[in-house]
Amino acid sequence: NVGRFDDAQRFFELALKGHPDFEEAHLGLAAALLSTQKPDAALSHLQKAIALNRQNEVSWWRLAQVERLLGNSDEQKKALAEFQRLHSQAANQQDPGRKLFSPNEVTQQQVEVRMPN
């Protein structure tokens, strides 16, 4: 598994060389760095992703994880509070007629396979 994260890290780094403001690449690189136990290296990429888009709750969630691993409890709490604010805001903006299901309510779907004649 570490090899997969190392490969992902290289691909995200390559993407950022050509597109330094590619928010998703910063997020992906941060995730790869977190997976290989490098929270200090992930921090700057999360900060850049947040500077590019402060409304992405995933960035704030990952930042909270990094701050926890780095032992920065105050910063972790701030990032987690912003994640929760954005997450609640997104939930409130959903179509009120749309029903959300809990994981216990979701059932496995069956797919019918048809062979060509």
PDB file of N, CA and C in Angstrom:
ATOM      1  N   ASN A   1       0.807  -1.200   0.000  1.00  0.00           N
ATOM      2  CA  ASN A   1       0.000   0.000   0.000  1.00  0.00           C
ATOM      3  C   ASN A   1       0.848   1.261   0.000  1.00  0.00           C
ATOM      4  N   VAL A   2       1.986   1.253   0.687  1.00  0.00           N
ATOM      5  CA  VAL A   2       2.839   2.434   0.741  1.00  0.00           C
ATOM      6  C   VAL A   2       3.316   2.791  -0.658  1.00  0.00           C
ATOM      7  N   GLY A   3       3.575   1.774  -1.481  1.00  0.00           N
ATOM      8  CA  GLY A   3       3.996   2.027  -2.859  1.00  0.00           C
ATOM      9  C   GLY A   3       2.949   2.785  -3.643  1.00  0.00           C
ATOM     10  N   ARG A   4       1.677   2.455  -3.424  1.00  0.00           N
ATOM     11  CA  ARG A   4       0.589   3.170  -4.112  1.00  0.00           C
ATOM     12  C   ARG A   4       0.562   4.633  -3.702  1.00  0.00           C
ATOM     13  N   PHE A   5       0.766   4.906  -2.416  1.00  0.00           N
ATOM     14  CA  PHE A   5       0.760   6.288  -1.949  1.00  0.00           C
ATOM     15  C   PHE A   5       1.983   7.037  -2.459  1.00  0.00           C
ATOM     16  N   ASP A   6       3.119   6.345  -2.556  1.00  0.00           N
ATOM     17  CA  ASP A   6       4.315   6.973  -3.127  1.00  0.00           C
ATOM     18  C   ASP A   6       4.081   7.335  -4.585  1.00  0.00           C
ATOM     19  N   ASP A   7       3.443   6.426  -5.334  1.00  0.00           N
ATOM     20  CA  ASP A   7       3.107   6.715  -6.740  1.00  0.00           C
ATOM     21  C   ASP A   7       2.152   7.898  -6.831  1.00  0.00           C
ATOM     22  N   ALA A   8       1.124   7.901  -5.982  1.00  0.00           N
ATOM     23  CA  ALA A   8       0.161   9.001  -5.970  1.00  0.00           C
ATOM     24  C   ALA A   8       0.864  10.312  -5.649  1.00  0.00           C
ATOM     25  N   GLN A   9       1.770  10.271  -4.690  1.00  0.00           N
ATOM     26  CA  GLN A   9       2.511  11.476  -4.321  1.00  0.00           C
ATOM     27  C   GLN A   9       3.265  12.023  -5.528  1.00  0.00           C
ATOM     28  N   ARG A  10       3.935  11.158  -6.275  1.00  0.00           N
ATOM     29  CA  ARG A  10       4.680  11.599  -7.455  1.00  0.00           C
ATOM     30  C   ARG A  10       3.759  12.217  -8.503  1.00  0.00           C
ATOM     31  N   PHE A  11       2.596  11.599  -8.739  1.00  0.00           N
ATOM     32  CA  PHE A  11       1.656  12.124  -9.729  1.00  0.00           C
ATOM     33  C   PHE A  11       1.104  13.490  -9.315  1.00  0.00           C
ATOM     34  N   PHE A  12       0.763  13.639  -8.034  1.00  0.00           N
ATOM     35  CA  PHE A  12       0.253  14.930  -7.579  1.00  0.00           C
ATOM     36  C   PHE A  12       1.339  16.003  -7.638  1.00  0.00           C
ATOM     37  N   GLU A  13       2.569  15.638  -7.280  1.00  0.00           N
ATOM     38  CA  GLU A  13       3.674  16.595  -7.363  1.00  0.00           C
ATOM     39  C   GLU A  13       3.898  17.036  -8.801  1.00  0.00           C
ATOM     40  N   LEU A  14       3.805  16.087  -9.733  1.00  0.00           N
ATOM     41  CA  LEU A  14       3.956  16.397 -11.153  1.00  0.00           C
ATOM     42  C   LEU A  14       2.839  17.331 -11.621  1.00  0.00           C
ATOM     43  N   ALA A  15       1.616  17.054 -11.193  1.00  0.00           N
ATOM     44  CA  ALA A  15       0.485  17.907 -11.560  1.00  0.00           C
ATOM     45  C   ALA A  15       0.686  19.332 -11.044  1.00  0.00           C
ATOM     46  N   LEU A  16       1.221  19.446  -9.832  1.00  0.00           N
ATOM     47  CA  LEU A  16       1.410  20.771  -9.239  1.00  0.00           C
ATOM     48  C   LEU A  16       2.545  21.547  -9.894  1.00  0.00           C
ATOM     49  N   LYS A  17       3.513  20.843 -10.485  1.00  0.00           N
ATOM     50  CA  LYS A  17       4.590  21.554 -11.199  1.00  0.00           C
ATOM     51  C   LYS A  17       4.009  22.344 -12.363  1.00  0.00           C
ATOM     52  N   GLY A  18       3.071  21.728 -13.068  1.00  0.00           N
ATOM     53  CA  GLY A  18       2.463  22.403 -14.212  1.00  0.00           C
ATOM     54  C   GLY A  18       1.306  23.306 -13.838  1.00  0.00           C
ATOM     55  N   HIS A  19       0.667  23.024 -12.718  1.00  0.00           N
ATOM     56  CA  HIS A  19      -0.524  23.767 -12.286  1.00  0.00           C
ATOM     57  C   HIS A  19      -0.461  23.996 -10.779  1.00  0.00           C
ATOM     58  N   PRO A  20       0.315  24.984 -10.340  1.00  0.00           N
ATOM     59  CA  PRO A  20       0.509  25.183  -8.898  1.00  0.00           C
ATOM     60  C   PRO A  20      -0.748  25.588  -8.132  1.00  0.00           C
ATOM     61  N   ASP A  21      -1.786  26.024  -8.843  1.00  0.00           N
ATOM     62  CA  ASP A  21      -3.031  26.409  -8.170  1.00  0.00           C
ATOM     63  C   ASP A  21      -4.125  25.359  -8.340  1.00  0.00           C
ATOM     64  N   PHE A  22      -3.739  24.115  -8.551  1.00  0.00           N
ATOM     65  CA  PHE A  22      -4.679  23.006  -8.735  1.00  0.00           C
ATOM     66  C   PHE A  22      -5.075  22.497  -7.350  1.00  0.00           C
ATOM     67  N   GLU A  23      -6.200  23.006  -6.860  1.00  0.00           N
ATOM     68  CA  GLU A  23      -6.655  22.718  -5.496  1.00  0.00           C
ATOM     69  C   GLU A  23      -6.726  21.223  -5.207  1.00  0.00           C
ATOM     70  N   GLU A  24      -7.348  20.450  -6.111  1.00  0.00           N
ATOM     71  CA  GLU A  24      -7.528  19.021  -5.876  1.00  0.00           C
ATOM     72  C   GLU A  24      -6.192  18.283  -5.813  1.00  0.00           C
ATOM     73  N   ALA A  25      -5.201  18.760  -6.546  1.00  0.00           N
ATOM     74  CA  ALA A  25      -3.879  18.134  -6.477  1.00  0.00           C
ATOM     75  C   ALA A  25      -3.234  18.392  -5.120  1.00  0.00           C
ATOM     76  N   HIS A  26      -3.431  19.587  -4.575  1.00  0.00           N
ATOM     77  CA  HIS A  26      -2.921  19.870  -3.229  1.00  0.00           C
ATOM     78  C   HIS A  26      -3.604  18.961  -2.206  1.00  0.00           C
ATOM     79  N   LEU A  27      -4.914  18.793  -2.358  1.00  0.00           N
ATOM     80  CA  LEU A  27      -5.654  17.900  -1.453  1.00  0.00           C
ATOM     81  C   LEU A  27      -5.184  16.457  -1.587  1.00  0.00           C
ATOM     82  N   GLY A  28      -5.017  16.006  -2.815  1.00  0.00           N
ATOM     83  CA  GLY A  28      -4.575  14.632  -3.056  1.00  0.00           C
ATOM     84  C   GLY A  28      -3.182  14.393  -2.522  1.00  0.00           C
ATOM     85  N   LEU A  29      -2.294  15.353  -2.753  1.00  0.00           N
ATOM     86  CA  LEU A  29      -0.923  15.213  -2.250  1.00  0.00           C
ATOM     87  C   LEU A  29      -0.925  15.188  -0.724  1.00  0.00           C
ATOM     88  N   ALA A  30      -1.739  16.034  -0.118  1.00  0.00           N
ATOM     89  CA  ALA A  30      -1.833  16.029   1.350  1.00  0.00           C
ATOM     90  C   ALA A  30      -2.320  14.679   1.852  1.00  0.00           C
ATOM     91  N   ALA A  31      -3.305  14.093   1.176  1.00  0.00           N
ATOM     92  CA  ALA A  31      -3.821  12.781   1.584  1.00  0.00           C
ATOM     93  C   ALA A  31      -2.742  11.713   1.452  1.00  0.00           C
ATOM     94  N   ALA A  32      -1.983  11.757   0.364  1.00  0.00           N
ATOM     95  CA  ALA A  32      -0.900  10.781   0.170  1.00  0.00           C
ATOM     96  C   ALA A  32       0.163  10.953   1.251  1.00  0.00           C
ATOM     97  N   LEU A  33       0.499  12.194   1.566  1.00  0.00           N
ATOM     98  CA  LEU A  33       1.497  12.447   2.610  1.00  0.00           C
ATOM     99  C   LEU A  33       0.992  12.001   3.982  1.00  0.00           C
ATOM    100  N   LEU A  34      -0.284  12.217   4.248  1.00  0.00           N
ATOM    101  CA  LEU A  34      -0.860  11.735   5.506  1.00  0.00           C
ATOM    102  C   LEU A  34      -0.789  10.217   5.588  1.00  0.00           C
ATOM    103  N   SER A  35      -1.069   9.554   4.478  1.00  0.00           N
ATOM    104  CA  SER A  35      -1.070   8.087   4.451  1.00  0.00           C
ATOM    105  C   SER A  35       0.309   7.506   4.667  1.00  0.00           C
ATOM    106  N   THR A  36       1.331   8.295   4.383  1.00  0.00           N
ATOM    107  CA  THR A  36       2.706   7.827   4.604  1.00  0.00           C
ATOM    108  C   THR A  36       3.319   8.478   5.845  1.00  0.00           C
ATOM    109  N   GLN A  37       2.433   8.949   6.748  1.00  0.00           N
ATOM    110  CA  GLN A  37       2.852   9.484   8.047  1.00  0.00           C
ATOM    111  C   GLN A  37       3.771  10.702   7.916  1.00  0.00           C
ATOM    112  N   LYS A  38       3.394  11.648   7.016  1.00  0.00           N
ATOM    113  CA  LYS A  38       4.167  12.879   6.845  1.00  0.00           C
ATOM    114  C   LYS A  38       3.253  14.092   7.012  1.00  0.00           C
ATOM    115  N   PRO A  39       2.661  14.252   8.221  1.00  0.00           N
ATOM    116  CA  PRO A  39       1.714  15.357   8.402  1.00  0.00           C
ATOM    117  C   PRO A  39       2.355  16.733   8.260  1.00  0.00           C
ATOM    118  N   ASP A  40       3.632  16.856   8.638  1.00  0.00           N
ATOM    119  CA  ASP A  40       4.305  18.145   8.518  1.00  0.00           C
ATOM    120  C   ASP A  40       4.391  18.582   7.063  1.00  0.00           C
ATOM    121  N   ALA A  41       4.628  17.648   6.147  1.00  0.00           N
ATOM    122  CA  ALA A  41       4.688  17.963   4.717  1.00  0.00           C
ATOM    123  C   ALA A  41       3.295  18.220   4.156  1.00  0.00           C
ATOM    124  N   ALA A  42       2.279  17.565   4.696  1.00  0.00           N
ATOM    125  CA  ALA A  42       0.906  17.733   4.215  1.00  0.00           C
ATOM    126  C   ALA A  42       0.351  19.108   4.581  1.00  0.00           C
ATOM    127  N   LEU A  43       0.818  19.676   5.676  1.00  0.00           N
ATOM    128  CA  LEU A  43       0.268  20.931   6.191  1.00  0.00           C
ATOM    129  C   LEU A  43       0.292  22.052   5.151  1.00  0.00           C
ATOM    130  N   SER A  44       1.415  22.268   4.493  1.00  0.00           N
ATOM    131  CA  SER A  44       1.504  23.387   3.543  1.00  0.00           C
ATOM    132  C   SER A  44       0.565  23.192   2.355  1.00  0.00           C
ATOM    133  N   HIS A  45       0.357  21.947   1.950  1.00  0.00           N
ATOM    134  CA  HIS A  45      -0.546  21.689   0.825  1.00  0.00           C
ATOM    135  C   HIS A  45      -2.001  21.933   1.214  1.00  0.00           C
ATOM    136  N   LEU A  46      -2.349  21.615   2.437  1.00  0.00           N
ATOM    137  CA  LEU A  46      -3.706  21.898   2.907  1.00  0.00           C
ATOM    138  C   LEU A  46      -3.924  23.402   3.057  1.00  0.00           C
ATOM    139  N   GLN A  47      -2.918  24.092   3.542  1.00  0.00           N
ATOM    140  CA  GLN A  47      -3.027  25.545   3.668  1.00  0.00           C
ATOM    141  C   GLN A  47      -3.196  26.191   2.294  1.00  0.00           C
ATOM    142  N   LYS A  48      -2.489  25.685   1.300  1.00  0.00           N
ATOM    143  CA  LYS A  48      -2.622  26.210  -0.067  1.00  0.00           C
ATOM    144  C   LYS A  48      -4.010  25.896  -0.627  1.00  0.00           C
ATOM    145  N   ALA A  49      -4.499  24.671  -0.419  1.00  0.00           N
ATOM    146  CA  ALA A  49      -5.835  24.301  -0.904  1.00  0.00           C
ATOM    147  C   ALA A  49      -6.895  25.198  -0.276  1.00  0.00           C
ATOM    148  N   ILE A  50      -6.754  25.492   1.006  1.00  0.00           N
ATOM    149  CA  ILE A  50      -7.719  26.359   1.695  1.00  0.00           C
ATOM    150  C   ILE A  50      -7.607  27.791   1.181  1.00  0.00           C
ATOM    151  N   ALA A  51      -6.400  28.252   0.897  1.00  0.00           N
ATOM    152  CA  ALA A  51      -6.226  29.594   0.338  1.00  0.00           C
ATOM    153  C   ALA A  51      -6.908  29.695  -1.032  1.00  0.00           C
ATOM    154  N   LEU A  52      -6.907  28.604  -1.779  1.00  0.00           N
ATOM    155  CA  LEU A  52      -7.551  28.583  -3.096  1.00  0.00           C
ATOM    156  C   LEU A  52      -9.065  28.481  -2.997  1.00  0.00           C
ATOM    157  N   ASN A  53      -9.556  27.778  -1.967  1.00  0.00           N
ATOM    158  CA  ASN A  53     -10.999  27.573  -1.821  1.00  0.00           C
ATOM    159  C   ASN A  53     -11.323  27.314  -0.351  1.00  0.00           C
ATOM    160  N   ARG A  54     -11.777  28.342   0.324  1.00  0.00           N
ATOM    161  CA  ARG A  54     -12.093  28.220   1.760  1.00  0.00           C
ATOM    162  C   ARG A  54     -13.387  27.467   2.014  1.00  0.00           C
ATOM    163  N   GLN A  55     -14.151  27.151   0.968  1.00  0.00           N
ATOM    164  CA  GLN A  55     -15.457  26.512   1.134  1.00  0.00           C
ATOM    165  C   GLN A  55     -15.415  24.993   0.998  1.00  0.00           C
ATOM    166  N   ASN A  56     -14.255  24.418   0.803  1.00  0.00           N
ATOM    167  CA  ASN A  56     -14.146  22.965   0.632  1.00  0.00           C
ATOM    168  C   ASN A  56     -13.994  22.308   2.004  1.00  0.00           C
ATOM    169  N   GLU A  57     -15.045  21.627   2.436  1.00  0.00           N
ATOM    170  CA  GLU A  57     -15.026  21.023   3.772  1.00  0.00           C
ATOM    171  C   GLU A  57     -13.987  19.916   3.897  1.00  0.00           C
ATOM    172  N   VAL A  58     -13.647  19.256   2.783  1.00  0.00           N
ATOM    173  CA  VAL A  58     -12.630  18.190   2.821  1.00  0.00           C
ATOM    174  C   VAL A  58     -11.285  18.762   3.247  1.00  0.00           C
ATOM    175  N   SER A  59     -10.952  19.944   2.756  1.00  0.00           N
ATOM    176  CA  SER A  59      -9.680  20.583   3.142  1.00  0.00           C
ATOM    177  C   SER A  59      -9.616  20.806   4.647  1.00  0.00           C
ATOM    178  N   TRP A  60     -10.709  21.287   5.207  1.00  0.00           N
ATOM    179  CA  TRP A  60     -10.745  21.570   6.649  1.00  0.00           C
ATOM    180  C   TRP A  60     -10.693  20.276   7.465  1.00  0.00           C
ATOM    181  N   TRP A  61     -11.356  19.224   6.975  1.00  0.00           N
ATOM    182  CA  TRP A  61     -11.321  17.928   7.673  1.00  0.00           C
ATOM    183  C   TRP A  61      -9.890  17.394   7.718  1.00  0.00           C
ATOM    184  N   ARG A  62      -9.225  17.434   6.565  1.00  0.00           N
ATOM    185  CA  ARG A  62      -7.842  16.936   6.525  1.00  0.00           C
ATOM    186  C   ARG A  62      -6.914  17.817   7.341  1.00  0.00           C
ATOM    187  N   LEU A  63      -7.159  19.117   7.334  1.00  0.00           N
ATOM    188  CA  LEU A  63      -6.341  20.012   8.155  1.00  0.00           C
ATOM    189  C   LEU A  63      -6.498  19.662   9.632  1.00  0.00           C
ATOM    190  N   ALA A  64      -7.709  19.352  10.056  1.00  0.00           N
ATOM    191  CA  ALA A  64      -7.928  18.952  11.454  1.00  0.00           C
ATOM    192  C   ALA A  64      -7.139  17.686  11.767  1.00  0.00           C
ATOM    193  N   GLN A  65      -7.101  16.738  10.826  1.00  0.00           N
ATOM    194  CA  GLN A  65      -6.330  15.505  11.033  1.00  0.00           C
ATOM    195  C   GLN A  65      -4.846  15.817  11.185  1.00  0.00           C
ATOM    196  N   VAL A  66      -4.329  16.670  10.305  1.00  0.00           N
ATOM    197  CA  VAL A  66      -2.908  17.028  10.345  1.00  0.00           C
ATOM    198  C   VAL A  66      -2.574  17.736  11.654  1.00  0.00           C
ATOM    199  N   GLU A  67      -3.395  18.696  12.039  1.00  0.00           N
ATOM    200  CA  GLU A  67      -3.123  19.436  13.278  1.00  0.00           C
ATOM    201  C   GLU A  67      -3.142  18.513  14.492  1.00  0.00           C
ATOM    202  N   ARG A  68      -4.038  17.514  14.481  1.00  0.00           N
ATOM    203  CA  ARG A  68      -4.078  16.535  15.577  1.00  0.00           C
ATOM    204  C   ARG A  68      -2.769  15.756  15.622  1.00  0.00           C
ATOM    205  N   LEU A  69      -2.320  15.284  14.454  1.00  0.00           N
ATOM    206  CA  LEU A  69      -1.081  14.502  14.402  1.00  0.00           C
ATOM    207  C   LEU A  69       0.135  15.326  14.803  1.00  0.00           C
ATOM    208  N   LEU A  70       0.076  16.634  14.530  1.00  0.00           N
ATOM    209  CA  LEU A  70       1.186  17.511  14.893  1.00  0.00           C
ATOM    210  C   LEU A  70       1.099  17.997  16.339  1.00  0.00           C
ATOM    211  N   GLY A  71      -0.002  17.638  17.024  1.00  0.00           N
ATOM    212  CA  GLY A  71      -0.156  18.019  18.427  1.00  0.00           C
ATOM    213  C   GLY A  71      -0.641  19.432  18.639  1.00  0.00           C
ATOM    214  N   ASN A  72      -1.216  20.037  17.614  1.00  0.00           N
ATOM    215  CA  ASN A  72      -1.726  21.409  17.706  1.00  0.00           C
ATOM    216  C   ASN A  72      -3.231  21.374  17.978  1.00  0.00           C
ATOM    217  N   SER A  73      -3.609  21.156  19.216  1.00  0.00           N
ATOM    218  CA  SER A  73      -5.027  20.945  19.538  1.00  0.00           C
ATOM    219  C   SER A  73      -5.877  22.178  19.277  1.00  0.00           C
ATOM    220  N   ASP A  74      -5.368  23.384  19.524  1.00  0.00           N
ATOM    221  CA  ASP A  74      -6.153  24.592  19.258  1.00  0.00           C
ATOM    222  C   ASP A  74      -6.441  24.734  17.764  1.00  0.00           C
ATOM    223  N   GLU A  75      -5.427  24.502  16.945  1.00  0.00           N
ATOM    224  CA  GLU A  75      -5.604  24.600  15.494  1.00  0.00           C
ATOM    225  C   GLU A  75      -6.507  23.472  14.984  1.00  0.00           C
ATOM    226  N   GLN A  76      -6.393  22.316  15.603  1.00  0.00           N
ATOM    227  CA  GLN A  76      -7.273  21.203  15.234  1.00  0.00           C
ATOM    228  C   GLN A  76      -8.725  21.581  15.497  1.00  0.00           C
ATOM    229  N   LYS A  77      -8.990  22.169  16.656  1.00  0.00           N
ATOM    230  CA  LYS A  77     -10.363  22.564  17.016  1.00  0.00           C
ATOM    231  C   LYS A  77     -10.906  23.606  16.044  1.00  0.00           C
ATOM    232  N   LYS A  78     -10.069  24.570  15.653  1.00  0.00           N
ATOM    233  CA  LYS A  78     -10.502  25.600  14.700  1.00  0.00           C
ATOM    234  C   LYS A  78     -10.854  24.975  13.346  1.00  0.00           C
ATOM    235  N   ALA A  79      -9.997  24.093  12.865  1.00  0.00           N
ATOM    236  CA  ALA A  79     -10.239  23.445  11.569  1.00  0.00           C
ATOM    237  C   ALA A  79     -11.486  22.572  11.627  1.00  0.00           C
ATOM    238  N   LEU A  80     -11.657  21.857  12.725  1.00  0.00           N
ATOM    239  CA  LEU A  80     -12.834  21.003  12.880  1.00  0.00           C
ATOM    240  C   LEU A  80     -14.115  21.838  12.962  1.00  0.00           C
ATOM    241  N   ALA A  81     -14.055  22.975  13.637  1.00  0.00           N
ATOM    242  CA  ALA A  81     -15.222  23.858  13.733  1.00  0.00           C
ATOM    243  C   ALA A  81     -15.599  24.392  12.354  1.00  0.00           C
ATOM    244  N   GLU A  82     -14.603  24.748  11.550  1.00  0.00           N
ATOM    245  CA  GLU A  82     -14.893  25.242  10.197  1.00  0.00           C
ATOM    246  C   GLU A  82     -15.453  24.120   9.327  1.00  0.00           C
ATOM    247  N   PHE A  83     -14.902  22.918   9.465  1.00  0.00           N
ATOM    248  CA  PHE A  83     -15.457  21.761   8.742  1.00  0.00           C
ATOM    249  C   PHE A  83     -16.928  21.575   9.109  1.00  0.00           C
ATOM    250  N   GLN A  84     -17.236  21.588  10.393  1.00  0.00           N
ATOM    251  CA  GLN A  84     -18.610  21.376  10.847  1.00  0.00           C
ATOM    252  C   GLN A  84     -19.538  22.477  10.350  1.00  0.00           C
ATOM    253  N   ARG A  85     -19.062  23.707  10.328  1.00  0.00           N
ATOM    254  CA  ARG A  85     -19.865  24.831   9.840  1.00  0.00           C
ATOM    255  C   ARG A  85     -20.197  24.630   8.360  1.00  0.00           C
ATOM    256  N   LEU A  86     -19.180  24.304   7.567  1.00  0.00           N
ATOM    257  CA  LEU A  86     -19.394  24.099   6.130  1.00  0.00           C
ATOM    258  C   LEU A  86     -20.275  22.883   5.868  1.00  0.00           C
ATOM    259  N   HIS A  87     -20.069  21.837   6.641  1.00  0.00           N
ATOM    260  CA  HIS A  87     -20.854  20.615   6.464  1.00  0.00           C
ATOM    261  C   HIS A  87     -22.325  20.878   6.789  1.00  0.00           C
ATOM    262  N   SER A  88     -22.585  21.598   7.864  1.00  0.00           N
ATOM    263  CA  SER A  88     -23.965  21.939   8.233  1.00  0.00           C
ATOM    264  C   SER A  88     -24.593  22.848   7.189  1.00  0.00           C
ATOM    265  N   GLN A  89     -23.831  23.782   6.697  1.00  0.00           N
ATOM    266  CA  GLN A  89     -24.312  24.696   5.668  1.00  0.00           C
ATOM    267  C   GLN A  89     -24.708  23.922   4.409  1.00  0.00           C
ATOM    268  N   ALA A  90     -23.888  22.967   4.014  1.00  0.00           N
ATOM    269  CA  ALA A  90     -24.184  22.159   2.833  1.00  0.00           C
ATOM    270  C   ALA A  90     -25.427  21.314   3.059  1.00  0.00           C
ATOM    271  N   ALA A  91     -25.572  20.758   4.248  1.00  0.00           N
ATOM    272  CA  ALA A  91     -26.750  19.933   4.564  1.00  0.00           C
ATOM    273  C   ALA A  91     -28.019  20.773   4.524  1.00  0.00           C
ATOM    274  N   ASN A  92     -27.940  22.019   4.979  1.00  0.00           N
ATOM    275  CA  ASN A  92     -29.113  22.902   4.981  1.00  0.00           C
ATOM    276  C   ASN A  92     -29.510  23.351   3.584  1.00  0.00           C
ATOM    277  N   GLN A  93     -28.563  23.324   2.658  1.00  0.00           N
ATOM    278  CA  GLN A  93     -28.845  23.765   1.292  1.00  0.00           C
ATOM    279  C   GLN A  93     -29.380  22.654   0.405  1.00  0.00           C
ATOM    280  N   GLN A  94     -29.384  21.431   0.905  1.00  0.00           N
ATOM    281  CA  GLN A  94     -29.886  20.317   0.103  1.00  0.00           C
ATOM    282  C   GLN A  94     -31.367  20.473  -0.140  1.00  0.00           C
ATOM    283  N   ASP A  95     -31.826  19.845  -1.190  1.00  0.00           N
ATOM    284  CA  ASP A  95     -33.251  19.848  -1.528  1.00  0.00           C
ATOM    285  C   ASP A  95     -34.030  19.288  -0.344  1.00  0.00           C
ATOM    286  N   PRO A  96     -34.955  20.066   0.216  1.00  0.00           N
ATOM    287  CA  PRO A  96     -35.687  19.587   1.394  1.00  0.00           C
ATOM    288  C   PRO A  96     -36.527  18.345   1.123  1.00  0.00           C
ATOM    289  N   GLY A  97     -36.888  18.113  -0.136  1.00  0.00           N
ATOM    290  CA  GLY A  97     -37.672  16.927  -0.470  1.00  0.00           C
ATOM    291  C   GLY A  97     -36.831  15.674  -0.619  1.00  0.00           C
ATOM    292  N   ARG A  98     -35.537  15.861  -0.636  1.00  0.00           N
ATOM    293  CA  ARG A  98     -34.622  14.733  -0.812  1.00  0.00           C
ATOM    294  C   ARG A  98     -34.399  14.038   0.515  1.00  0.00           C
ATOM    295  N   LYS A  99     -34.595  12.728   0.536  1.00  0.00           N
ATOM    296  CA  LYS A  99     -34.402  11.960   1.757  1.00  0.00           C
ATOM    297  C   LYS A  99     -32.982  11.405   1.773  1.00  0.00           C
ATOM    298  N   LEU A 100     -32.293  11.631   2.853  1.00  0.00           N
ATOM    299  CA  LEU A 100     -30.961  11.070   3.022  1.00  0.00           C
ATOM    300  C   LEU A 100     -31.079   9.763   3.777  1.00  0.00           C
ATOM    301  N   PHE A 101     -30.302   8.794   3.385  1.00  0.00           N
ATOM    302  CA  PHE A 101     -30.363   7.481   3.999  1.00  0.00           C
ATOM    303  C   PHE A 101     -29.159   7.253   4.890  1.00  0.00           C
ATOM    304  N   SER A 102     -29.382   6.532   5.954  1.00  0.00           N
ATOM    305  CA  SER A 102     -28.269   6.137   6.804  1.00  0.00           C
ATOM    306  C   SER A 102     -27.621   4.913   6.170  1.00  0.00           C
ATOM    307  N   PRO A 103     -26.367   4.597   6.527  1.00  0.00           N
ATOM    308  CA  PRO A 103     -25.726   3.411   5.969  1.00  0.00           C
ATOM    309  C   PRO A 103     -26.526   2.130   6.208  1.00  0.00           C
ATOM    310  N   ASN A 104     -27.291   2.075   7.310  1.00  0.00           N
ATOM    311  CA  ASN A 104     -28.083   0.876   7.606  1.00  0.00           C
ATOM    312  C   ASN A 104     -29.264   0.722   6.650  1.00  0.00           C
ATOM    313  N   GLU A 105     -29.701   1.823   6.043  1.00  0.00           N
ATOM    314  CA  GLU A 105     -30.849   1.767   5.151  1.00  0.00           C
ATOM    315  C   GLU A 105     -30.465   1.440   3.711  1.00  0.00           C
ATOM    316  N   VAL A 106     -29.191   1.570   3.404  1.00  0.00           N
ATOM    317  CA  VAL A 106     -28.745   1.314   2.037  1.00  0.00           C
ATOM    318  C   VAL A 106     -28.572  -0.190   1.851  1.00  0.00           C
ATOM    319  N   THR A 107     -29.146  -0.707   0.800  1.00  0.00           N
ATOM    320  CA  THR A 107     -29.048  -2.141   0.545  1.00  0.00           C
ATOM    321  C   THR A 107     -28.228  -2.382  -0.711  1.00  0.00           C
ATOM    322  N   GLN A 108     -27.705  -3.545  -0.816  1.00  0.00           N
ATOM    323  CA  GLN A 108     -26.933  -3.918  -1.988  1.00  0.00           C
ATOM    324  C   GLN A 108     -27.874  -4.023  -3.184  1.00  0.00           C
ATOM    325  N   GLN A 109     -27.460  -3.451  -4.271  1.00  0.00           N
ATOM    326  CA  GLN A 109     -28.259  -3.494  -5.492  1.00  0.00           C
ATOM    327  C   GLN A 109     -27.799  -4.668  -6.342  1.00  0.00           C
ATOM    328  N   GLN A 110     -28.732  -5.230  -7.070  1.00  0.00           N
ATOM    329  CA  GLN A 110     -28.390  -6.323  -7.961  1.00  0.00           C
ATOM    330  C   GLN A 110     -28.344  -5.780  -9.386  1.00  0.00           C
ATOM    331  N   VAL A 111     -27.343  -6.213 -10.099  1.00  0.00           N
ATOM    332  CA  VAL A 111     -27.167  -5.777 -11.483  1.00  0.00           C
ATOM    333  C   VAL A 111     -27.447  -6.971 -12.376  1.00  0.00           C
ATOM    334  N   GLU A 112     -28.331  -6.764 -13.343  1.00  0.00           N
ATOM    335  CA  GLU A 112     -28.651  -7.829 -14.283  1.00  0.00           C
ATOM    336  C   GLU A 112     -27.625  -7.784 -15.399  1.00  0.00           C
ATOM    337  N   VAL A 113     -26.982  -8.903 -15.636  1.00  0.00           N
ATOM    338  CA  VAL A 113     -25.981  -8.999 -16.696  1.00  0.00           C
ATOM    339  C   VAL A 113     -26.634  -9.662 -17.890  1.00  0.00           C
ATOM    340  N   ARG A 114     -26.542  -9.004 -19.008  1.00  0.00           N
ATOM    341  CA  ARG A 114     -27.111  -9.558 -20.240  1.00  0.00           C
ATOM    342  C   ARG A 114     -25.980  -9.853 -21.207  1.00  0.00           C
ATOM    343  N   MET A 115     -26.000 -11.004 -21.747  1.00  0.00           N
ATOM    344  CA  MET A 115     -24.999 -11.405 -22.714  1.00  0.00           C
ATOM    345  C   MET A 115     -25.491 -10.980 -24.103  1.00  0.00           C
ATOM    346  N   PRO A 116     -24.603 -10.469 -24.947  1.00  0.00           N
ATOM    347  CA  PRO A 116     -25.024 -10.106 -26.308  1.00  0.00           C
ATOM    348  C   PRO A 116     -25.443 -11.373 -27.081  1.00  0.00           C
ATOM    349  N   ASN A 117     -26.414 -11.212 -27.936  1.00  0.00           N
ATOM    350  CA  ASN A 117     -26.903 -12.356 -28.736  1.00  0.00           C
ATOM    351  C   ASN A 117     -25.914 -12.830 -29.739  1.00  0.00           C
TER     352      ASN A 117
END
